[in-house]
Amino acid sequence: MLYMNLLTSGKLHSYLAEVDKQAEDMFLRLVKEYADRQDVTEQLKKDNPYEWIGRMNNIQACVREVVGTELIYT
């Protein structure tokens, strides 16, 4: 119903752009928060880049799931 209303009123594009912006902002904020909580720092990146990559990939995967659940699929 929402889709049809937005489509017929010509507001679908602006609505989707706003949701995309909110999702991107939420993703960046949560990645920083998770990394801070798990002590994934620039020092770790310098000392052990492979561990940093693995941990950051895990954080990003978790955050993608949160953003999808909280913002995209609701």
C-alpha atoms as a PDB file:
ATOM      1  CA  MET A   1       0.000   0.000   0.000  1.00  0.00           C
ATOM      2  CA  LEU A   2       2.765   2.444   0.929  1.00  0.00           C
ATOM      3  CA  TYR A   3       4.608   1.572  -2.263  1.00  0.00           C
ATOM      4  CA  MET A   4       1.584   2.305  -4.449  1.00  0.00           C
ATOM      5  CA  ASN A   5       0.860   5.577  -2.660  1.00  0.00           C
ATOM      6  CA  LEU A   6       4.444   6.759  -3.055  1.00  0.00           C
ATOM      7  CA  LEU A   7       4.631   5.598  -6.658  1.00  0.00           C
ATOM      8  CA  THR A   8       1.406   7.270  -7.747  1.00  0.00           C
ATOM      9  CA  SER A   9       2.184  10.498  -5.893  1.00  0.00           C
ATOM     10  CA  GLY A  10       5.662  10.766  -7.445  1.00  0.00           C
ATOM     11  CA  LYS A  11       7.395  10.641  -4.054  1.00  0.00           C
ATOM     12  CA  LEU A  12       8.899   7.158  -4.280  1.00  0.00           C
ATOM     13  CA  HIS A  13      12.359   8.309  -5.364  1.00  0.00           C
ATOM     14  CA  SER A  14      12.718  10.897  -2.597  1.00  0.00           C
ATOM     15  CA  TYR A  15      11.423   8.409  -0.005  1.00  0.00           C
ATOM     16  CA  LEU A  16      13.938   5.774  -1.084  1.00  0.00           C
ATOM     17  CA  ALA A  17      16.758   8.330  -1.128  1.00  0.00           C
ATOM     18  CA  GLU A  18      15.901   9.326   2.450  1.00  0.00           C
ATOM     19  CA  VAL A  19      15.803   5.708   3.645  1.00  0.00           C
ATOM     20  CA  ASP A  20      19.155   5.085   1.920  1.00  0.00           C
ATOM     21  CA  LYS A  21      20.683   8.114   3.668  1.00  0.00           C
ATOM     22  CA  GLN A  22      19.340   6.972   7.047  1.00  0.00           C
ATOM     23  CA  ALA A  23      20.689   3.457   6.479  1.00  0.00           C
ATOM     24  CA  GLU A  24      24.133   4.750   5.512  1.00  0.00           C
ATOM     25  CA  ASP A  25      24.294   7.066   8.531  1.00  0.00           C
ATOM     26  CA  MET A  26      23.168   4.280  10.869  1.00  0.00           C
ATOM     27  CA  PHE A  27      25.692   1.848   9.351  1.00  0.00           C
ATOM     28  CA  LEU A  28      28.647   4.222   9.796  1.00  0.00           C
ATOM     29  CA  ARG A  29      27.623   5.153  13.342  1.00  0.00           C
ATOM     30  CA  LEU A  30      27.155   1.546  14.438  1.00  0.00           C
ATOM     31  CA  VAL A  31      30.415   0.347  12.870  1.00  0.00           C
ATOM     32  CA  LYS A  32      32.275   2.998  14.860  1.00  0.00           C
ATOM     33  CA  GLU A  33      30.415   2.111  18.070  1.00  0.00           C
ATOM     34  CA  TYR A  34      31.005  -1.637  17.670  1.00  0.00           C
ATOM     35  CA  ALA A  35      34.675  -1.118  16.819  1.00  0.00           C
ATOM     36  CA  ASP A  36      35.157   1.122  19.863  1.00  0.00           C
ATOM     37  CA  ARG A  37      33.454  -1.413  22.150  1.00  0.00           C
ATOM     38  CA  GLN A  38      35.537  -4.294  20.782  1.00  0.00           C
ATOM     39  CA  ASP A  39      38.789  -2.284  20.877  1.00  0.00           C
ATOM     40  CA  VAL A  40      39.347  -2.523  17.118  1.00  0.00           C
ATOM     41  CA  THR A  41      41.688   0.434  16.769  1.00  0.00           C
ATOM     42  CA  GLU A  42      44.119   1.982  14.328  1.00  0.00           C
ATOM     43  CA  GLN A  43      46.889   0.562  16.523  1.00  0.00           C
ATOM     44  CA  LEU A  44      45.537  -2.949  15.959  1.00  0.00           C
ATOM     45  CA  LYS A  45      45.370  -2.175  12.244  1.00  0.00           C
ATOM     46  CA  LYS A  46      49.046  -1.201  12.337  1.00  0.00           C
ATOM     47  CA  ASP A  47      50.206  -4.093  14.544  1.00  0.00           C
ATOM     48  CA  ASN A  48      48.109  -6.920  13.107  1.00  0.00           C
ATOM     49  CA  PRO A  49      46.331  -5.930   9.887  1.00  0.00           C
ATOM     50  CA  TYR A  50      44.884  -9.396   9.199  1.00  0.00           C
ATOM     51  CA  GLU A  51      43.218  -9.569  12.597  1.00  0.00           C
ATOM     52  CA  TRP A  52      41.908  -6.022  12.118  1.00  0.00           C
ATOM     53  CA  ILE A  53      40.432  -6.944   8.718  1.00  0.00           C
ATOM     54  CA  GLY A  54      38.751 -10.044  10.110  1.00  0.00           C
ATOM     55  CA  ARG A  55      37.287  -8.231  13.066  1.00  0.00           C
ATOM     56  CA  MET A  56      36.100  -5.288  10.957  1.00  0.00           C
ATOM     57  CA  ASN A  57      34.489  -7.647   8.442  1.00  0.00           C
ATOM     58  CA  ASN A  58      32.647  -9.332  11.318  1.00  0.00           C
ATOM     59  CA  ILE A  59      31.529  -5.985  12.723  1.00  0.00           C
ATOM     60  CA  GLN A  60      30.290  -4.806   9.331  1.00  0.00           C
ATOM     61  CA  ALA A  61      28.351  -8.035   8.764  1.00  0.00           C
ATOM     62  CA  CYS A  62      26.657  -7.673  12.157  1.00  0.00           C
ATOM     63  CA  VAL A  63      25.844  -4.026  11.513  1.00  0.00           C
ATOM     64  CA  ARG A  64      24.406  -4.805   8.057  1.00  0.00           C
ATOM     65  CA  GLU A  65      22.050  -7.264   9.737  1.00  0.00           C
ATOM     66  CA  VAL A  66      21.014  -4.700  12.366  1.00  0.00           C
ATOM     67  CA  VAL A  67      20.418  -1.958   9.786  1.00  0.00           C
ATOM     68  CA  GLY A  68      18.449  -4.337   7.596  1.00  0.00           C
ATOM     69  CA  THR A  69      16.301  -5.511  10.472  1.00  0.00           C
ATOM     70  CA  GLU A  70      15.724  -2.125  12.078  1.00  0.00           C
ATOM     71  CA  LEU A  71      15.431   0.127   9.052  1.00  0.00           C
ATOM     72  CA  ILE A  72      15.094  -1.655   5.736  1.00  0.00           C
ATOM     73  CA  TYR A  73      12.809  -4.636   6.357  1.00  0.00           C
ATOM     74  CA  THR A  74      10.371  -3.006   8.762  1.00  0.00           C
END
